[in-house]
Amino acid sequence: WKANTSNNTVYADNKGNIAYWHGN
């Protein structure tokens, strides 16, 4: 959606993935 204007995102899930997005 490319609509998150103020945040980075740190992510993890039950399949063992981890991820990071700087802004959006």
mmCIF file of all heavy atoms, coordinates in Angstrom:
data_MODEL
# 
_entry.id   MODEL 
# 
loop_
_atom_site.group_PDB 
_atom_site.id 
_atom_site.type_symbol 
_atom_site.label_atom_id 
_atom_site.label_alt_id 
_atom_site.label_comp_id 
_atom_site.label_asym_id 
_atom_site.label_entity_id 
_atom_site.label_seq_id 
_atom_site.pdbx_PDB_ins_code 
_atom_site.Cartn_x 
_atom_site.Cartn_y 
_atom_site.Cartn_z 
_atom_site.occupancy 
_atom_site.B_iso_or_equiv 
_atom_site.pdbx_formal_charge 
_atom_site.auth_seq_id 
_atom_site.auth_comp_id 
_atom_site.auth_asym_id 
_atom_site.auth_atom_id 
_atom_site.pdbx_PDB_model_num 
ATOM 1   N N   . TRP A 1 1  ? 0.829  -1.201  0.000  1.00 0.00 ? 1  TRP A N   1 
ATOM 2   C CA  . TRP A 1 1  ? 0.000  0.000   0.000  1.00 0.00 ? 1  TRP A CA  1 
ATOM 3   C C   . TRP A 1 1  ? 0.871  1.261   0.000  1.00 0.00 ? 1  TRP A C   1 
ATOM 4   O O   . TRP A 1 1  ? 0.409  2.337   -0.352 1.00 0.00 ? 1  TRP A O   1 
ATOM 5   C CB  . TRP A 1 1  ? -0.933 0.017   1.217  1.00 0.00 ? 1  TRP A CB  1 
ATOM 6   C CG  . TRP A 1 1  ? -2.121 -0.883  1.077  1.00 0.00 ? 1  TRP A CG  1 
ATOM 7   C CD1 . TRP A 1 1  ? -2.304 -2.115  1.628  1.00 0.00 ? 1  TRP A CD1 1 
ATOM 8   C CD2 . TRP A 1 1  ? -3.303 -0.615  0.307  1.00 0.00 ? 1  TRP A CD2 1 
ATOM 9   N NE1 . TRP A 1 1  ? -3.530 -2.634  1.268  1.00 0.00 ? 1  TRP A NE1 1 
ATOM 10  C CE2 . TRP A 1 1  ? -4.161 -1.734  0.459  1.00 0.00 ? 1  TRP A CE2 1 
ATOM 11  C CE3 . TRP A 1 1  ? -3.729 0.454   -0.485 1.00 0.00 ? 1  TRP A CE3 1 
ATOM 12  C CZ2 . TRP A 1 1  ? -5.414 -1.809  -0.154 1.00 0.00 ? 1  TRP A CZ2 1 
ATOM 13  C CZ3 . TRP A 1 1  ? -4.977 0.388   -1.101 1.00 0.00 ? 1  TRP A CZ3 1 
ATOM 14  C CH2 . TRP A 1 1  ? -5.798 -0.740  -0.932 1.00 0.00 ? 1  TRP A CH2 1 
ATOM 15  N N   . LYS A 1 2  ? 2.116  1.132   0.464  1.00 0.00 ? 2  LYS A N   1 
ATOM 16  C CA  . LYS A 1 2  ? 3.087  2.242   0.452  1.00 0.00 ? 2  LYS A CA  1 
ATOM 17  C C   . LYS A 1 2  ? 2.508  3.496   1.116  1.00 0.00 ? 2  LYS A C   1 
ATOM 18  O O   . LYS A 1 2  ? 2.696  4.616   0.641  1.00 0.00 ? 2  LYS A O   1 
ATOM 19  C CB  . LYS A 1 2  ? 3.517  2.566   -0.983 1.00 0.00 ? 2  LYS A CB  1 
ATOM 20  C CG  . LYS A 1 2  ? 4.229  1.423   -1.690 1.00 0.00 ? 2  LYS A CG  1 
ATOM 21  C CD  . LYS A 1 2  ? 4.572  1.766   -3.128 1.00 0.00 ? 2  LYS A CD  1 
ATOM 22  C CE  . LYS A 1 2  ? 3.326  1.836   -3.991 1.00 0.00 ? 2  LYS A CE  1 
ATOM 23  N NZ  . LYS A 1 2  ? 3.623  1.986   -5.432 1.00 0.00 ? 2  LYS A NZ  1 
ATOM 24  N N   . ALA A 1 3  ? 1.830  3.293   2.246  1.00 0.00 ? 3  ALA A N   1 
ATOM 25  C CA  . ALA A 1 3  ? 1.117  4.408   2.864  1.00 0.00 ? 3  ALA A CA  1 
ATOM 26  C C   . ALA A 1 3  ? 1.556  4.691   4.296  1.00 0.00 ? 3  ALA A C   1 
ATOM 27  O O   . ALA A 1 3  ? 1.009  5.587   4.943  1.00 0.00 ? 3  ALA A O   1 
ATOM 28  C CB  . ALA A 1 3  ? -0.389 4.122   2.844  1.00 0.00 ? 3  ALA A CB  1 
ATOM 29  N N   . ASN A 1 4  ? 2.522  3.943   4.796  1.00 0.00 ? 4  ASN A N   1 
ATOM 30  C CA  . ASN A 1 4  ? 3.011  4.163   6.152  1.00 0.00 ? 4  ASN A CA  1 
ATOM 31  C C   . ASN A 1 4  ? 4.077  5.254   6.095  1.00 0.00 ? 4  ASN A C   1 
ATOM 32  O O   . ASN A 1 4  ? 5.198  5.023   5.648  1.00 0.00 ? 4  ASN A O   1 
ATOM 33  C CB  . ASN A 1 4  ? 3.584  2.858   6.714  1.00 0.00 ? 4  ASN A CB  1 
ATOM 34  C CG  . ASN A 1 4  ? 3.865  2.943   8.197  1.00 0.00 ? 4  ASN A CG  1 
ATOM 35  O OD1 . ASN A 1 4  ? 4.104  4.009   8.734  1.00 0.00 ? 4  ASN A OD1 1 
ATOM 36  N ND2 . ASN A 1 4  ? 3.841  1.800   8.853  1.00 0.00 ? 4  ASN A ND2 1 
ATOM 37  N N   . THR A 1 5  ? 3.734  6.451   6.548  1.00 0.00 ? 5  THR A N   1 
ATOM 38  C CA  . THR A 1 5  ? 4.605  7.607   6.333  1.00 0.00 ? 5  THR A CA  1 
ATOM 39  C C   . THR A 1 5  ? 5.604  7.856   7.453  1.00 0.00 ? 5  THR A C   1 
ATOM 40  O O   . THR A 1 5  ? 6.506  8.690   7.288  1.00 0.00 ? 5  THR A O   1 
ATOM 41  C CB  . THR A 1 5  ? 3.776  8.891   6.162  1.00 0.00 ? 5  THR A CB  1 
ATOM 42  O OG1 . THR A 1 5  ? 2.965  9.085   7.323  1.00 0.00 ? 5  THR A OG1 1 
ATOM 43  C CG2 . THR A 1 5  ? 2.900  8.815   4.926  1.00 0.00 ? 5  THR A CG2 1 
ATOM 44  N N   . SER A 1 6  ? 5.476  7.201   8.596  1.00 0.00 ? 6  SER A N   1 
ATOM 45  C CA  . SER A 1 6  ? 6.334  7.609   9.714  1.00 0.00 ? 6  SER A CA  1 
ATOM 46  C C   . SER A 1 6  ? 7.100  6.468   10.367 1.00 0.00 ? 6  SER A C   1 
ATOM 47  O O   . SER A 1 6  ? 7.773  6.689   11.368 1.00 0.00 ? 6  SER A O   1 
ATOM 48  C CB  . SER A 1 6  ? 5.489  8.314   10.789 1.00 0.00 ? 6  SER A CB  1 
ATOM 49  O OG  . SER A 1 6  ? 4.541  7.434   11.346 1.00 0.00 ? 6  SER A OG  1 
ATOM 50  N N   . ASN A 1 7  ? 7.019  5.260   9.800  1.00 0.00 ? 7  ASN A N   1 
ATOM 51  C CA  . ASN A 1 7  ? 7.569  4.124   10.530 1.00 0.00 ? 7  ASN A CA  1 
ATOM 52  C C   . ASN A 1 7  ? 8.525  3.247   9.735  1.00 0.00 ? 7  ASN A C   1 
ATOM 53  O O   . ASN A 1 7  ? 8.348  3.031   8.543  1.00 0.00 ? 7  ASN A O   1 
ATOM 54  C CB  . ASN A 1 7  ? 6.428  3.197   10.994 1.00 0.00 ? 7  ASN A CB  1 
ATOM 55  C CG  . ASN A 1 7  ? 5.533  3.855   12.006 1.00 0.00 ? 7  ASN A CG  1 
ATOM 56  O OD1 . ASN A 1 7  ? 6.000  4.393   12.990 1.00 0.00 ? 7  ASN A OD1 1 
ATOM 57  N ND2 . ASN A 1 7  ? 4.235  3.806   11.760 1.00 0.00 ? 7  ASN A ND2 1 
ATOM 58  N N   . ASN A 1 8  ? 9.491  2.706   10.460 1.00 0.00 ? 8  ASN A N   1 
ATOM 59  C CA  . ASN A 1 8  ? 10.199 1.505   10.031 1.00 0.00 ? 8  ASN A CA  1 
ATOM 60  C C   . ASN A 1 8  ? 9.430  0.308   10.560 1.00 0.00 ? 8  ASN A C   1 
ATOM 61  O O   . ASN A 1 8  ? 8.610  0.431   11.470 1.00 0.00 ? 8  ASN A O   1 
ATOM 62  C CB  . ASN A 1 8  ? 11.619 1.471   10.607 1.00 0.00 ? 8  ASN A CB  1 
ATOM 63  C CG  . ASN A 1 8  ? 12.389 2.738   10.324 1.00 0.00 ? 8  ASN A CG  1 
ATOM 64  O OD1 . ASN A 1 8  ? 12.351 3.255   9.217  1.00 0.00 ? 8  ASN A OD1 1 
ATOM 65  N ND2 . ASN A 1 8  ? 13.091 3.240   11.329 1.00 0.00 ? 8  ASN A ND2 1 
ATOM 66  N N   . THR A 1 9  ? 9.720  -0.870  10.030 1.00 0.00 ? 9  THR A N   1 
ATOM 67  C CA  . THR A 1 9  ? 9.051  -2.078  10.490 1.00 0.00 ? 9  THR A CA  1 
ATOM 68  C C   . THR A 1 9  ? 10.073 -3.174  10.753 1.00 0.00 ? 9  THR A C   1 
ATOM 69  O O   . THR A 1 9  ? 10.908 -3.474  9.898  1.00 0.00 ? 9  THR A O   1 
ATOM 70  C CB  . THR A 1 9  ? 8.039  -2.590  9.442  1.00 0.00 ? 9  THR A CB  1 
ATOM 71  O OG1 . THR A 1 9  ? 7.082  -1.557  9.160  1.00 0.00 ? 9  THR A OG1 1 
ATOM 72  C CG2 . THR A 1 9  ? 7.307  -3.823  9.960  1.00 0.00 ? 9  THR A CG2 1 
ATOM 73  N N   . VAL A 1 10 ? 10.001 -3.761  11.945 1.00 0.00 ? 10 VAL A N   1 
ATOM 74  C CA  . VAL A 1 10 ? 10.772 -4.953  12.292 1.00 0.00 ? 10 VAL A CA  1 
ATOM 75  C C   . VAL A 1 10 ? 9.770  -6.102  12.389 1.00 0.00 ? 10 VAL A C   1 
ATOM 76  O O   . VAL A 1 10 ? 8.748  -5.988  13.060 1.00 0.00 ? 10 VAL A O   1 
ATOM 77  C CB  . VAL A 1 10 ? 11.522 -4.773  13.624 1.00 0.00 ? 10 VAL A CB  1 
ATOM 78  C CG1 . VAL A 1 10 ? 12.343 -6.014  13.952 1.00 0.00 ? 10 VAL A CG1 1 
ATOM 79  C CG2 . VAL A 1 10 ? 12.424 -3.543  13.564 1.00 0.00 ? 10 VAL A CG2 1 
ATOM 80  N N   . TYR A 1 11 ? 10.080 -7.228  11.735 1.00 0.00 ? 11 TYR A N   1 
ATOM 81  C CA  . TYR A 1 11 ? 9.090  -8.298  11.525 1.00 0.00 ? 11 TYR A CA  1 
ATOM 82  C C   . TYR A 1 11 ? 9.697  -9.661  11.862 1.00 0.00 ? 11 TYR A C   1 
ATOM 83  O O   . TYR A 1 11 ? 10.895 -9.896  11.647 1.00 0.00 ? 11 TYR A O   1 
ATOM 84  C CB  . TYR A 1 11 ? 8.648  -8.268  10.063 1.00 0.00 ? 11 TYR A CB  1 
ATOM 85  C CG  . TYR A 1 11 ? 7.831  -9.445  9.588  1.00 0.00 ? 11 TYR A CG  1 
ATOM 86  C CD1 . TYR A 1 11 ? 6.447  -9.391  9.576  1.00 0.00 ? 11 TYR A CD1 1 
ATOM 87  C CD2 . TYR A 1 11 ? 8.452  -10.613 9.129  1.00 0.00 ? 11 TYR A CD2 1 
ATOM 88  C CE1 . TYR A 1 11 ? 5.686  -10.472 9.118  1.00 0.00 ? 11 TYR A CE1 1 
ATOM 89  C CE2 . TYR A 1 11 ? 7.700  -11.691 8.675  1.00 0.00 ? 11 TYR A CE2 1 
ATOM 90  C CZ  . TYR A 1 11 ? 6.324  -11.624 8.674  1.00 0.00 ? 11 TYR A CZ  1 
ATOM 91  O OH  . TYR A 1 11 ? 5.583  -12.683 8.225  1.00 0.00 ? 11 TYR A OH  1 
ATOM 92  N N   . ALA A 1 12 ? 8.847  -10.561 12.371 1.00 0.00 ? 12 ALA A N   1 
ATOM 93  C CA  . ALA A 1 12 ? 9.229  -11.972 12.548 1.00 0.00 ? 12 ALA A CA  1 
ATOM 94  C C   . ALA A 1 12 ? 7.983  -12.829 12.395 1.00 0.00 ? 12 ALA A C   1 
ATOM 95  O O   . ALA A 1 12 ? 6.858  -12.358 12.621 1.00 0.00 ? 12 ALA A O   1 
ATOM 96  C CB  . ALA A 1 12 ? 9.866  -12.200 13.918 1.00 0.00 ? 12 ALA A CB  1 
ATOM 97  N N   . ASP A 1 13 ? 8.162  -14.110 11.991 1.00 0.00 ? 13 ASP A N   1 
ATOM 98  C CA  . ASP A 1 13 ? 6.976  -14.963 11.838 1.00 0.00 ? 13 ASP A CA  1 
ATOM 99  C C   . ASP A 1 13 ? 7.249  -16.416 12.235 1.00 0.00 ? 13 ASP A C   1 
ATOM 100 O O   . ASP A 1 13 ? 8.375  -16.791 12.592 1.00 0.00 ? 13 ASP A O   1 
ATOM 101 C CB  . ASP A 1 13 ? 6.404  -14.857 10.422 1.00 0.00 ? 13 ASP A CB  1 
ATOM 102 C CG  . ASP A 1 13 ? 7.298  -15.449 9.334  1.00 0.00 ? 13 ASP A CG  1 
ATOM 103 O OD1 . ASP A 1 13 ? 8.103  -16.352 9.619  1.00 0.00 ? 13 ASP A OD1 1 
ATOM 104 O OD2 . ASP A 1 13 ? 7.191  -14.990 8.168  1.00 0.00 ? 13 ASP A OD2 1 
ATOM 105 N N   . ASN A 1 14 ? 6.191  -17.219 12.163 1.00 0.00 ? 14 ASN A N   1 
ATOM 106 C CA  . ASN A 1 14 ? 6.272  -18.611 12.637 1.00 0.00 ? 14 ASN A CA  1 
ATOM 107 C C   . ASN A 1 14 ? 6.927  -19.555 11.634 1.00 0.00 ? 14 ASN A C   1 
ATOM 108 O O   . ASN A 1 14 ? 7.049  -20.754 11.905 1.00 0.00 ? 14 ASN A O   1 
ATOM 109 C CB  . ASN A 1 14 ? 4.884  -19.126 13.034 1.00 0.00 ? 14 ASN A CB  1 
ATOM 110 C CG  . ASN A 1 14 ? 3.888  -19.131 11.880 1.00 0.00 ? 14 ASN A CG  1 
ATOM 111 O OD1 . ASN A 1 14 ? 4.230  -18.790 10.750 1.00 0.00 ? 14 ASN A OD1 1 
ATOM 112 N ND2 . ASN A 1 14 ? 2.651  -19.511 12.168 1.00 0.00 ? 14 ASN A ND2 1 
ATOM 113 N N   . LYS A 1 15 ? 7.349  -19.031 10.501 1.00 0.00 ? 15 LYS A N   1 
ATOM 114 C CA  . LYS A 1 15 ? 8.124  -19.839 9.551  1.00 0.00 ? 15 LYS A CA  1 
ATOM 115 C C   . LYS A 1 15 ? 9.622  -19.552 9.694  1.00 0.00 ? 15 LYS A C   1 
ATOM 116 O O   . LYS A 1 15 ? 10.427 -20.065 8.918  1.00 0.00 ? 15 LYS A O   1 
ATOM 117 C CB  . LYS A 1 15 ? 7.666  -19.546 8.109  1.00 0.00 ? 15 LYS A CB  1 
ATOM 118 C CG  . LYS A 1 15 ? 6.216  -19.940 7.837  1.00 0.00 ? 15 LYS A CG  1 
ATOM 119 C CD  . LYS A 1 15 ? 6.026  -21.456 7.928  1.00 0.00 ? 15 LYS A CD  1 
ATOM 120 C CE  . LYS A 1 15 ? 4.645  -21.877 7.461  1.00 0.00 ? 15 LYS A CE  1 
ATOM 121 N NZ  . LYS A 1 15 ? 3.570  -21.465 8.394  1.00 0.00 ? 15 LYS A NZ  1 
ATOM 122 N N   . GLY A 1 16 ? 9.963  -18.722 10.660 1.00 0.00 ? 16 GLY A N   1 
ATOM 123 C CA  . GLY A 1 16 ? 11.363 -18.411 10.905 1.00 0.00 ? 16 GLY A CA  1 
ATOM 124 C C   . GLY A 1 16 ? 11.890 -17.211 10.155 1.00 0.00 ? 16 GLY A C   1 
ATOM 125 O O   . GLY A 1 16 ? 13.087 -16.902 10.228 1.00 0.00 ? 16 GLY A O   1 
ATOM 126 N N   . ASN A 1 17 ? 11.025 -16.511 9.422  1.00 0.00 ? 17 ASN A N   1 
ATOM 127 C CA  . ASN A 1 17 ? 11.469 -15.318 8.689  1.00 0.00 ? 17 ASN A CA  1 
ATOM 128 C C   . ASN A 1 17 ? 11.628 -14.128 9.634  1.00 0.00 ? 17 ASN A C   1 
ATOM 129 O O   . ASN A 1 17 ? 10.832 -13.945 10.567 1.00 0.00 ? 17 ASN A O   1 
ATOM 130 C CB  . ASN A 1 17 ? 10.441 -14.938 7.619  1.00 0.00 ? 17 ASN A CB  1 
ATOM 131 C CG  . ASN A 1 17 ? 10.298 -15.998 6.556  1.00 0.00 ? 17 ASN A CG  1 
ATOM 132 O OD1 . ASN A 1 17 ? 11.269 -16.359 5.903  1.00 0.00 ? 17 ASN A OD1 1 
ATOM 133 N ND2 . ASN A 1 17 ? 9.083  -16.507 6.375  1.00 0.00 ? 17 ASN A ND2 1 
ATOM 134 N N   . ILE A 1 18 ? 12.632 -13.319 9.382  1.00 0.00 ? 18 ILE A N   1 
ATOM 135 C CA  . ILE A 1 18 ? 12.743 -12.011 10.012 1.00 0.00 ? 18 ILE A CA  1 
ATOM 136 C C   . ILE A 1 18 ? 12.992 -10.997 8.900  1.00 0.00 ? 18 ILE A C   1 
ATOM 137 O O   . ILE A 1 18 ? 13.563 -11.323 7.855  1.00 0.00 ? 18 ILE A O   1 
ATOM 138 C CB  . ILE A 1 18 ? 13.850 -11.943 11.083 1.00 0.00 ? 18 ILE A CB  1 
ATOM 139 C CG1 . ILE A 1 18 ? 15.240 -12.198 10.477 1.00 0.00 ? 18 ILE A CG1 1 
ATOM 140 C CG2 . ILE A 1 18 ? 13.565 -12.914 12.215 1.00 0.00 ? 18 ILE A CG2 1 
ATOM 141 C CD1 . ILE A 1 18 ? 16.383 -11.957 11.469 1.00 0.00 ? 18 ILE A CD1 1 
ATOM 142 N N   . ALA A 1 19 ? 12.538 -9.768  9.106  1.00 0.00 ? 19 ALA A N   1 
ATOM 143 C CA  . ALA A 1 19 ? 12.644 -8.770  8.033  1.00 0.00 ? 19 ALA A CA  1 
ATOM 144 C C   . ALA A 1 19 ? 12.659 -7.369  8.617  1.00 0.00 ? 19 ALA A C   1 
ATOM 145 O O   . ALA A 1 19 ? 12.220 -7.137  9.752  1.00 0.00 ? 19 ALA A O   1 
ATOM 146 C CB  . ALA A 1 19 ? 11.474 -8.915  7.056  1.00 0.00 ? 19 ALA A CB  1 
ATOM 147 N N   . TYR A 1 20 ? 13.161 -6.446  7.796  1.00 0.00 ? 20 TYR A N   1 
ATOM 148 C CA  . TYR A 1 20 ? 13.193 -5.037  8.174  1.00 0.00 ? 20 TYR A CA  1 
ATOM 149 C C   . TYR A 1 20 ? 12.922 -4.181  6.943  1.00 0.00 ? 20 TYR A C   1 
ATOM 150 O O   . TYR A 1 20 ? 13.481 -4.423  5.865  1.00 0.00 ? 20 TYR A O   1 
ATOM 151 C CB  . TYR A 1 20 ? 14.564 -4.658  8.753  1.00 0.00 ? 20 TYR A CB  1 
ATOM 152 C CG  . TYR A 1 20 ? 14.683 -3.184  9.054  1.00 0.00 ? 20 TYR A CG  1 
ATOM 153 C CD1 . TYR A 1 20 ? 14.081 -2.646  10.180 1.00 0.00 ? 20 TYR A CD1 1 
ATOM 154 C CD2 . TYR A 1 20 ? 15.376 -2.324  8.191  1.00 0.00 ? 20 TYR A CD2 1 
ATOM 155 C CE1 . TYR A 1 20 ? 14.166 -1.294  10.451 1.00 0.00 ? 20 TYR A CE1 1 
ATOM 156 C CE2 . TYR A 1 20 ? 15.465 -0.966  8.461  1.00 0.00 ? 20 TYR A CE2 1 
ATOM 157 C CZ  . TYR A 1 20 ? 14.857 -0.455  9.586  1.00 0.00 ? 20 TYR A CZ  1 
ATOM 158 O OH  . TYR A 1 20 ? 14.929 0.879   9.850  1.00 0.00 ? 20 TYR A OH  1 
ATOM 159 N N   . TRP A 1 21 ? 12.034 -3.204  7.103  1.00 0.00 ? 21 TRP A N   1 
ATOM 160 C CA  . TRP A 1 21 ? 11.785 -2.202  6.068  1.00 0.00 ? 21 TRP A CA  1 
ATOM 161 C C   . TRP A 1 21 ? 12.042 -0.825  6.657  1.00 0.00 ? 21 TRP A C   1 
ATOM 162 O O   . TRP A 1 21 ? 11.502 -0.491  7.722  1.00 0.00 ? 21 TRP A O   1 
ATOM 163 C CB  . TRP A 1 21 ? 10.339 -2.251  5.575  1.00 0.00 ? 21 TRP A CB  1 
ATOM 164 C CG  . TRP A 1 21 ? 9.937  -3.474  4.826  1.00 0.00 ? 21 TRP A CG  1 
ATOM 165 C CD1 . TRP A 1 21 ? 9.982  -3.672  3.475  1.00 0.00 ? 21 TRP A CD1 1 
ATOM 166 C CD2 . TRP A 1 21 ? 9.379  -4.680  5.378  1.00 0.00 ? 21 TRP A CD2 1 
ATOM 167 N NE1 . TRP A 1 21 ? 9.490  -4.904  3.150  1.00 0.00 ? 21 TRP A NE1 1 
ATOM 168 C CE2 . TRP A 1 21 ? 9.114  -5.558  4.297  1.00 0.00 ? 21 TRP A CE2 1 
ATOM 169 C CE3 . TRP A 1 21 ? 9.073  -5.117  6.672  1.00 0.00 ? 21 TRP A CE3 1 
ATOM 170 C CZ2 . TRP A 1 21 ? 8.564  -6.825  4.470  1.00 0.00 ? 21 TRP A CZ2 1 
ATOM 171 C CZ3 . TRP A 1 21 ? 8.541  -6.374  6.861  1.00 0.00 ? 21 TRP A CZ3 1 
ATOM 172 C CH2 . TRP A 1 21 ? 8.289  -7.215  5.766  1.00 0.00 ? 21 TRP A CH2 1 
ATOM 173 N N   . HIS A 1 22 ? 12.832 -0.014  5.980  1.00 0.00 ? 22 HIS A N   1 
ATOM 174 C CA  . HIS A 1 22 ? 13.108 1.346   6.449  1.00 0.00 ? 22 HIS A CA  1 
ATOM 175 C C   . HIS A 1 22 ? 12.131 2.291   5.773  1.00 0.00 ? 22 HIS A C   1 
ATOM 176 O O   . HIS A 1 22 ? 12.284 2.640   4.601  1.00 0.00 ? 22 HIS A O   1 
ATOM 177 C CB  . HIS A 1 22 ? 14.551 1.739   6.125  1.00 0.00 ? 22 HIS A CB  1 
ATOM 178 C CG  . HIS A 1 22 ? 15.024 2.945   6.883  1.00 0.00 ? 22 HIS A CG  1 
ATOM 179 N ND1 . HIS A 1 22 ? 15.302 2.904   8.236  1.00 0.00 ? 22 HIS A ND1 1 
ATOM 180 C CD2 . HIS A 1 22 ? 15.256 4.224   6.490  1.00 0.00 ? 22 HIS A CD2 1 
ATOM 181 C CE1 . HIS A 1 22 ? 15.700 4.092   8.637  1.00 0.00 ? 22 HIS A CE1 1 
ATOM 182 N NE2 . HIS A 1 22 ? 15.670 4.924   7.599  1.00 0.00 ? 22 HIS A NE2 1 
ATOM 183 N N   . GLY A 1 23 ? 11.115 2.690   6.515  1.00 0.00 ? 23 GLY A N   1 
ATOM 184 C CA  . GLY A 1 23 ? 10.054 3.500   5.930  1.00 0.00 ? 23 GLY A CA  1 
ATOM 185 C C   . GLY A 1 23 ? 9.176  2.659   5.021  1.00 0.00 ? 23 GLY A C   1 
ATOM 186 O O   . GLY A 1 23 ? 9.303  1.445   4.925  1.00 0.00 ? 23 GLY A O   1 
ATOM 187 N N   . ASN A 1 24 ? 8.270  3.341   4.302  1.00 0.00 ? 24 ASN A N   1 
ATOM 188 C CA  . ASN A 1 24 ? 7.353  2.647   3.403  1.00 0.00 ? 24 ASN A CA  1 
ATOM 189 C C   . ASN A 1 24 ? 6.813  3.590   2.337  1.00 0.00 ? 24 ASN A C   1 
ATOM 190 O O   . ASN A 1 24 ? 6.824  3.279   1.149  1.00 0.00 ? 24 ASN A O   1 
ATOM 191 C CB  . ASN A 1 24 ? 6.213  2.017   4.211  1.00 0.00 ? 24 ASN A CB  1 
ATOM 192 C CG  . ASN A 1 24 ? 5.207  1.276   3.369  1.00 0.00 ? 24 ASN A CG  1 
ATOM 193 O OD1 . ASN A 1 24 ? 4.032  1.616   3.351  1.00 0.00 ? 24 ASN A OD1 1 
ATOM 194 N ND2 . ASN A 1 24 ? 5.665  0.243   2.666  1.00 0.00 ? 24 ASN A ND2 1 
# 
